Amino acid sequence: MHTTPTLRFWMLADAAGSGATGLLLVLAAGALAPWLGLPETLLRVAGALFLPWAALVAWVGLRAVNPPRLVGAIVALNLVYVLDCVLFAAVAQPWFGVAPTGLGMAFLLAQAGAVLAFSLGQWAGMRQGRGALATSP
Protein backbone atom coordinates (compact mmCIF):
# COMPACT_ATOMS: atom_id res chain seq x y z
CA MET A 1 0.00 0.00 0.00
CA HIS A 2 1.35 3.42 -0.93
CA THR A 3 1.72 5.92 1.88
CA THR A 4 -0.65 8.73 0.98
CA PRO A 5 -0.02 12.30 2.11
CA THR A 6 -2.91 11.90 4.58
CA LEU A 7 -1.43 8.74 6.06
CA ARG A 8 2.04 10.31 6.21
CA PHE A 9 0.68 13.39 8.01
CA TRP A 10 -1.21 11.39 10.63
CA MET A 11 1.61 8.92 11.20
CA LEU A 12 4.14 11.71 11.69
CA ALA A 13 1.72 13.66 13.92
CA ASP A 14 1.28 10.52 16.02
CA ALA A 15 5.05 10.02 16.16
CA ALA A 16 5.66 13.63 17.19
CA GLY A 17 2.95 13.57 19.85
CA SER A 18 4.02 10.19 21.20
CA GLY A 19 7.68 11.16 21.21
CA ALA A 20 7.07 14.49 22.94
CA THR A 21 4.79 12.90 25.53
CA GLY A 22 7.26 10.08 26.07
CA LEU A 23 10.14 12.46 26.67
CA LEU A 24 8.03 14.60 29.00
CA LEU A 25 6.98 11.59 31.05
CA VAL A 26 10.44 10.05 31.23
CA LEU A 27 12.16 13.30 32.16
CA ALA A 28 9.51 14.87 34.40
CA ALA A 29 7.57 11.95 35.90
CA GLY A 30 8.61 12.90 39.42
CA ALA A 31 7.45 16.48 39.04
CA LEU A 32 4.23 15.54 37.23
CA ALA A 33 3.10 12.70 39.53
CA PRO A 34 1.72 14.89 42.36
CA TRP A 35 0.00 17.24 39.92
CA LEU A 36 -1.64 14.40 38.00
CA GLY A 37 -2.31 12.12 40.95
CA LEU A 38 -0.70 9.27 39.03
CA PRO A 39 2.18 7.10 40.23
CA GLU A 40 5.62 8.26 39.12
CA THR A 41 6.52 4.74 38.02
CA LEU A 42 3.42 4.51 35.83
CA LEU A 43 4.27 7.80 34.16
CA ARG A 44 7.93 6.90 33.64
CA VAL A 45 7.18 3.42 32.22
CA ALA A 46 4.45 4.78 29.95
CA GLY A 47 6.86 7.44 28.70
CA ALA A 48 9.56 4.84 28.08
CA LEU A 49 7.09 2.77 26.03
CA PHE A 50 6.04 5.79 23.97
CA LEU A 51 9.56 6.34 22.64
CA PRO A 52 9.97 3.13 20.60
CA TRP A 53 6.33 3.48 19.54
CA ALA A 54 7.09 6.97 18.21
CA ALA A 55 10.10 5.62 16.31
CA LEU A 56 8.04 2.82 14.72
CA VAL A 57 5.20 5.14 13.71
CA ALA A 58 7.66 7.69 12.28
CA TRP A 59 9.39 4.94 10.31
CA VAL A 60 6.05 3.83 8.85
CA GLY A 61 5.09 7.42 8.07
CA LEU A 62 8.34 8.08 6.21
CA ARG A 63 8.20 4.96 4.03
CA ALA A 64 6.76 5.21 0.52
CA VAL A 65 5.10 1.80 0.73
CA ASN A 66 3.86 -0.08 3.80
CA PRO A 67 2.20 -3.42 4.41
CA PRO A 68 -1.51 -2.72 5.03
CA ARG A 69 -1.46 -5.07 8.03
CA LEU A 70 1.25 -3.01 9.70
CA VAL A 71 -0.71 0.20 9.24
CA GLY A 72 -3.88 -1.56 10.38
CA ALA A 73 -2.08 -2.83 13.48
CA ILE A 74 -0.97 0.71 14.35
CA VAL A 75 -4.54 1.98 13.99
CA ALA A 76 -5.85 -0.91 16.11
CA LEU A 77 -3.23 -0.43 18.84
CA ASN A 78 -4.03 3.28 18.94
CA LEU A 79 -7.71 2.45 19.43
CA VAL A 80 -6.81 0.04 22.23
CA TYR A 81 -4.81 2.84 23.87
CA VAL A 82 -7.82 5.19 23.62
CA LEU A 83 -9.97 2.59 25.34
CA ASP A 84 -7.28 2.00 27.97
CA CYS A 85 -7.05 5.70 28.81
CA VAL A 86 -10.81 6.07 29.16
CA LEU A 87 -11.19 2.89 31.20
CA PHE A 88 -8.27 3.77 33.45
CA ALA A 89 -9.76 7.20 34.08
CA ALA A 90 -13.06 5.54 34.98
CA VAL A 91 -11.76 2.78 37.26
CA ALA A 92 -8.39 3.97 38.57
CA GLN A 93 -9.65 4.63 42.09
CA PRO A 94 -11.77 1.53 42.78
CA TRP A 95 -9.62 -0.99 40.91
CA PHE A 96 -6.09 0.31 41.35
CA GLY A 97 -6.32 2.62 44.34
CA VAL A 98 -5.05 5.51 42.21
CA ALA A 99 -6.87 8.82 42.46
CA PRO A 100 -6.05 11.01 39.46
CA THR A 101 -6.52 14.70 40.15
CA GLY A 102 -8.71 16.81 37.88
CA LEU A 103 -5.57 17.63 35.92
CA GLY A 104 -4.70 13.92 35.79
CA MET A 105 -8.15 13.09 34.42
CA ALA A 106 -7.80 15.85 31.85
CA PHE A 107 -4.37 14.48 30.92
CA LEU A 108 -5.74 10.95 30.42
CA LEU A 109 -8.75 12.11 28.43
CA ALA A 110 -6.71 14.55 26.33
CA GLN A 111 -4.40 11.66 25.40
CA ALA A 112 -7.43 9.56 24.49
CA GLY A 113 -8.79 12.37 22.31
CA ALA A 114 -5.49 13.01 20.56
CA VAL A 115 -4.82 9.34 19.90
CA LEU A 116 -8.39 8.88 18.64
CA ALA A 117 -7.76 11.71 16.16
CA PHE A 118 -4.49 10.07 15.09
CA SER A 119 -6.15 6.70 14.56
CA LEU A 120 -9.08 8.15 12.60
CA GLY A 121 -6.70 10.13 10.38
CA GLN A 122 -4.51 7.07 9.89
CA TRP A 123 -7.56 4.99 9.00
CA ALA A 124 -8.61 7.59 6.41
CA GLY A 125 -5.09 7.63 4.94
CA MET A 126 -5.03 3.85 4.85
CA ARG A 127 -8.36 3.76 2.99
CA GLN A 128 -7.03 6.29 0.47
CA GLY A 129 -3.95 4.14 -0.05
CA ARG A 130 -6.06 1.04 -0.61
CA GLY A 131 -8.32 2.98 -2.99
CA ALA A 132 -5.27 4.11 -4.96
CA LEU A 133 -4.20 0.48 -5.27
CA ALA A 134 -7.61 -0.54 -6.58
CA THR A 135 -7.65 2.22 -9.22
CA SER A 136 -4.02 1.81 -10.35
CA PRO A 137 -3.63 0.62 -13.95
C-alpha atoms as a PDB file:
ATOM      1  CA  MET A   1       0.000   0.000   0.000  1.00  0.00           C
ATOM      2  CA  HIS A   2       1.346   3.423  -0.933  1.00  0.00           C
ATOM      3  CA  THR A   3       1.724   5.923   1.880  1.00  0.00           C
ATOM      4  CA  THR A   4      -0.649   8.732   0.985  1.00  0.00           C
ATOM      5  CA  PRO A   5      -0.023  12.305   2.113  1.00  0.00           C
ATOM      6  CA  THR A   6      -2.907  11.897   4.576  1.00  0.00           C
ATOM      7  CA  LEU A   7      -1.429   8.738   6.055  1.00  0.00           C
ATOM      8  CA  ARG A   8       2.037  10.306   6.215  1.00  0.00           C
ATOM      9  CA  PHE A   9       0.676  13.393   8.007  1.00  0.00           C
ATOM     10  CA  TRP A  10      -1.206  11.393  10.635  1.00  0.00           C
ATOM     11  CA  MET A  11       1.608   8.919  11.199  1.00  0.00           C
ATOM     12  CA  LEU A  12       4.136  11.711  11.692  1.00  0.00           C
ATOM     13  CA  ALA A  13       1.724  13.657  13.917  1.00  0.00           C
ATOM     14  CA  ASP A  14       1.283  10.519  16.021  1.00  0.00           C
ATOM     15  CA  ALA A  15       5.052  10.018  16.164  1.00  0.00           C
ATOM     16  CA  ALA A  16       5.656  13.626  17.192  1.00  0.00           C
ATOM     17  CA  GLY A  17       2.945  13.566  19.853  1.00  0.00           C
ATOM     18  CA  SER A  18       4.022  10.191  21.201  1.00  0.00           C
ATOM     19  CA  GLY A  19       7.682  11.158  21.213  1.00  0.00           C
ATOM     20  CA  ALA A  20       7.069  14.486  22.942  1.00  0.00           C
ATOM     21  CA  THR A  21       4.790  12.901  25.534  1.00  0.00           C
ATOM     22  CA  GLY A  22       7.264  10.077  26.071  1.00  0.00           C
ATOM     23  CA  LEU A  23      10.144  12.464  26.669  1.00  0.00           C
ATOM     24  CA  LEU A  24       8.033  14.598  29.001  1.00  0.00           C
ATOM     25  CA  LEU A  25       6.976  11.591  31.049  1.00  0.00           C
ATOM     26  CA  VAL A  26      10.439  10.046  31.226  1.00  0.00           C
ATOM     27  CA  LEU A  27      12.160  13.297  32.165  1.00  0.00           C
ATOM     28  CA  ALA A  28       9.513  14.866  34.402  1.00  0.00           C
ATOM     29  CA  ALA A  29       7.568  11.948  35.901  1.00  0.00           C
ATOM     30  CA  GLY A  30       8.611  12.903  39.422  1.00  0.00           C
ATOM     31  CA  ALA A  31       7.447  16.478  39.037  1.00  0.00           C
ATOM     32  CA  LEU A  32       4.226  15.537  37.228  1.00  0.00           C
ATOM     33  CA  ALA A  33       3.100  12.702  39.528  1.00  0.00           C
ATOM     34  CA  PRO A  34       1.724  14.888  42.356  1.00  0.00           C
ATOM     35  CA  TRP A  35      -0.003  17.240  39.924  1.00  0.00           C
ATOM     36  CA  LEU A  36      -1.641  14.403  38.005  1.00  0.00           C
ATOM     37  CA  GLY A  37      -2.314  12.121  40.952  1.00  0.00           C
ATOM     38  CA  LEU A  38      -0.704   9.274  39.033  1.00  0.00           C
ATOM     39  CA  PRO A  39       2.181   7.096  40.231  1.00  0.00           C
ATOM     40  CA  GLU A  40       5.618   8.261  39.125  1.00  0.00           C
ATOM     41  CA  THR A  41       6.525   4.736  38.018  1.00  0.00           C
ATOM     42  CA  LEU A  42       3.424   4.505  35.827  1.00  0.00           C
ATOM     43  CA  LEU A  43       4.268   7.802  34.163  1.00  0.00           C
ATOM     44  CA  ARG A  44       7.926   6.904  33.641  1.00  0.00           C
ATOM     45  CA  VAL A  45       7.181   3.423  32.218  1.00  0.00           C
ATOM     46  CA  ALA A  46       4.450   4.783  29.945  1.00  0.00           C
ATOM     47  CA  GLY A  47       6.856   7.439  28.697  1.00  0.00           C
ATOM     48  CA  ALA A  48       9.559   4.843  28.075  1.00  0.00           C
ATOM     49  CA  LEU A  49       7.091   2.769  26.031  1.00  0.00           C
ATOM     50  CA  PHE A  50       6.037   5.790  23.968  1.00  0.00           C
ATOM     51  CA  LEU A  51       9.559   6.341  22.641  1.00  0.00           C
ATOM     52  CA  PRO A  52       9.969   3.131  20.599  1.00  0.00           C
ATOM     53  CA  TRP A  53       6.330   3.482  19.540  1.00  0.00           C
ATOM     54  CA  ALA A  54       7.087   6.968  18.209  1.00  0.00           C
ATOM     55  CA  ALA A  55      10.097   5.617  16.309  1.00  0.00           C
ATOM     56  CA  LEU A  56       8.040   2.821  14.723  1.00  0.00           C
ATOM     57  CA  VAL A  57       5.204   5.141  13.713  1.00  0.00           C
ATOM     58  CA  ALA A  58       7.660   7.690  12.279  1.00  0.00           C
ATOM     59  CA  TRP A  59       9.393   4.942  10.312  1.00  0.00           C
ATOM     60  CA  VAL A  60       6.049   3.835   8.847  1.00  0.00           C
ATOM     61  CA  GLY A  61       5.086   7.421   8.073  1.00  0.00           C
ATOM     62  CA  LEU A  62       8.337   8.076   6.210  1.00  0.00           C
ATOM     63  CA  ARG A  63       8.201   4.957   4.029  1.00  0.00           C
ATOM     64  CA  ALA A  64       6.764   5.206   0.518  1.00  0.00           C
ATOM     65  CA  VAL A  65       5.095   1.801   0.734  1.00  0.00           C
ATOM     66  CA  ASN A  66       3.855  -0.076   3.805  1.00  0.00           C
ATOM     67  CA  PRO A  67       2.199  -3.420   4.405  1.00  0.00           C
ATOM     68  CA  PRO A  68      -1.513  -2.720   5.031  1.00  0.00           C
ATOM     69  CA  ARG A  69      -1.463  -5.071   8.026  1.00  0.00           C
ATOM     70  CA  LEU A  70       1.254  -3.008   9.703  1.00  0.00           C
ATOM     71  CA  VAL A  71      -0.711   0.204   9.237  1.00  0.00           C
ATOM     72  CA  GLY A  72      -3.882  -1.557  10.380  1.00  0.00           C
ATOM     73  CA  ALA A  73      -2.080  -2.829  13.479  1.00  0.00           C
ATOM     74  CA  ILE A  74      -0.971   0.709  14.352  1.00  0.00           C
ATOM     75  CA  VAL A  75      -4.536   1.976  13.987  1.00  0.00           C
ATOM     76  CA  ALA A  76      -5.852  -0.912  16.105  1.00  0.00           C
ATOM     77  CA  LEU A  77      -3.232  -0.425  18.842  1.00  0.00           C
ATOM     78  CA  ASN A  78      -4.030   3.279  18.936  1.00  0.00           C
ATOM     79  CA  LEU A  79      -7.715   2.451  19.434  1.00  0.00           C
ATOM     80  CA  VAL A  80      -6.809   0.042  22.234  1.00  0.00           C
ATOM     81  CA  TYR A  81      -4.810   2.844  23.871  1.00  0.00           C
ATOM     82  CA  VAL A  82      -7.817   5.186  23.616  1.00  0.00           C
ATOM     83  CA  LEU A  83      -9.975   2.590  25.335  1.00  0.00           C
ATOM     84  CA  ASP A  84      -7.280   1.996  27.973  1.00  0.00           C
ATOM     85  CA  CYS A  85      -7.050   5.704  28.815  1.00  0.00           C
ATOM     86  CA  VAL A  86     -10.814   6.067  29.158  1.00  0.00           C
ATOM     87  CA  LEU A  87     -11.194   2.890  31.203  1.00  0.00           C
ATOM     88  CA  PHE A  88      -8.275   3.768  33.453  1.00  0.00           C
ATOM     89  CA  ALA A  89      -9.761   7.202  34.081  1.00  0.00           C
ATOM     90  CA  ALA A  90     -13.064   5.537  34.982  1.00  0.00           C
ATOM     91  CA  VAL A  91     -11.764   2.777  37.257  1.00  0.00           C
ATOM     92  CA  ALA A  92      -8.394   3.968  38.569  1.00  0.00           C
ATOM     93  CA  GLN A  93      -9.652   4.625  42.088  1.00  0.00           C
ATOM     94  CA  PRO A  94     -11.769   1.530  42.778  1.00  0.00           C
ATOM     95  CA  TRP A  95      -9.615  -0.992  40.914  1.00  0.00           C
ATOM     96  CA  PHE A  96      -6.093   0.310  41.348  1.00  0.00           C
ATOM     97  CA  GLY A  97      -6.319   2.622  44.344  1.00  0.00           C
ATOM     98  CA  VAL A  98      -5.046   5.506  42.214  1.00  0.00           C
ATOM     99  CA  ALA A  99      -6.865   8.822  42.464  1.00  0.00           C
ATOM    100  CA  PRO A 100      -6.049  11.015  39.464  1.00  0.00           C
ATOM    101  CA  THR A 101      -6.520  14.701  40.147  1.00  0.00           C
ATOM    102  CA  GLY A 102      -8.711  16.807  37.881  1.00  0.00           C
ATOM    103  CA  LEU A 103      -5.575  17.630  35.923  1.00  0.00           C
ATOM    104  CA  GLY A 104      -4.702  13.920  35.790  1.00  0.00           C
ATOM    105  CA  MET A 105      -8.152  13.085  34.416  1.00  0.00           C
ATOM    106  CA  ALA A 106      -7.798  15.849  31.849  1.00  0.00           C
ATOM    107  CA  PHE A 107      -4.369  14.481  30.915  1.00  0.00           C
ATOM    108  CA  LEU A 108      -5.740  10.950  30.423  1.00  0.00           C
ATOM    109  CA  LEU A 109      -8.755  12.114  28.426  1.00  0.00           C
ATOM    110  CA  ALA A 110      -6.707  14.550  26.330  1.00  0.00           C
ATOM    111  CA  GLN A 111      -4.402  11.665  25.404  1.00  0.00           C
ATOM    112  CA  ALA A 112      -7.429   9.563  24.488  1.00  0.00           C
ATOM    113  CA  GLY A 113      -8.792  12.366  22.309  1.00  0.00           C
ATOM    114  CA  ALA A 114      -5.493  13.014  20.560  1.00  0.00           C
ATOM    115  CA  VAL A 115      -4.823   9.337  19.899  1.00  0.00           C
ATOM    116  CA  LEU A 116      -8.390   8.882  18.638  1.00  0.00           C
ATOM    117  CA  ALA A 117      -7.763  11.711  16.160  1.00  0.00           C
ATOM    118  CA  PHE A 118      -4.489  10.071  15.090  1.00  0.00           C
ATOM    119  CA  SER A 119      -6.149   6.703  14.557  1.00  0.00           C
ATOM    120  CA  LEU A 120      -9.081   8.150  12.599  1.00  0.00           C
ATOM    121  CA  GLY A 121      -6.704  10.128  10.383  1.00  0.00           C
ATOM    122  CA  GLN A 122      -4.509   7.071   9.886  1.00  0.00           C
ATOM    123  CA  TRP A 123      -7.564   4.993   8.996  1.00  0.00           C
ATOM    124  CA  ALA A 124      -8.612   7.585   6.408  1.00  0.00           C
ATOM    125  CA  GLY A 125      -5.089   7.629   4.945  1.00  0.00           C
ATOM    126  CA  MET A 126      -5.028   3.854   4.848  1.00  0.00           C
ATOM    127  CA  ARG A 127      -8.355   3.757   2.992  1.00  0.00           C
ATOM    128  CA  GLN A 128      -7.033   6.292   0.473  1.00  0.00           C
ATOM    129  CA  GLY A 129      -3.949   4.138  -0.052  1.00  0.00           C
ATOM    130  CA  ARG A 130      -6.055   1.041  -0.607  1.00  0.00           C
ATOM    131  CA  GLY A 131      -8.317   2.981  -2.986  1.00  0.00           C
ATOM    132  CA  ALA A 132      -5.273   4.113  -4.964  1.00  0.00           C
ATOM    133  CA  LEU A 133      -4.199   0.476  -5.273  1.00  0.00           C
ATOM    134  CA  ALA A 134      -7.613  -0.537  -6.583  1.00  0.00           C
ATOM    135  CA  THR A 135      -7.647   2.224  -9.215  1.00  0.00           C
ATOM    136  CA  SER A 136      -4.018   1.810 -10.349  1.00  0.00           C
ATOM    137  CA  PRO A 137      -3.633   0.624 -13.950  1.00  0.00           C
END
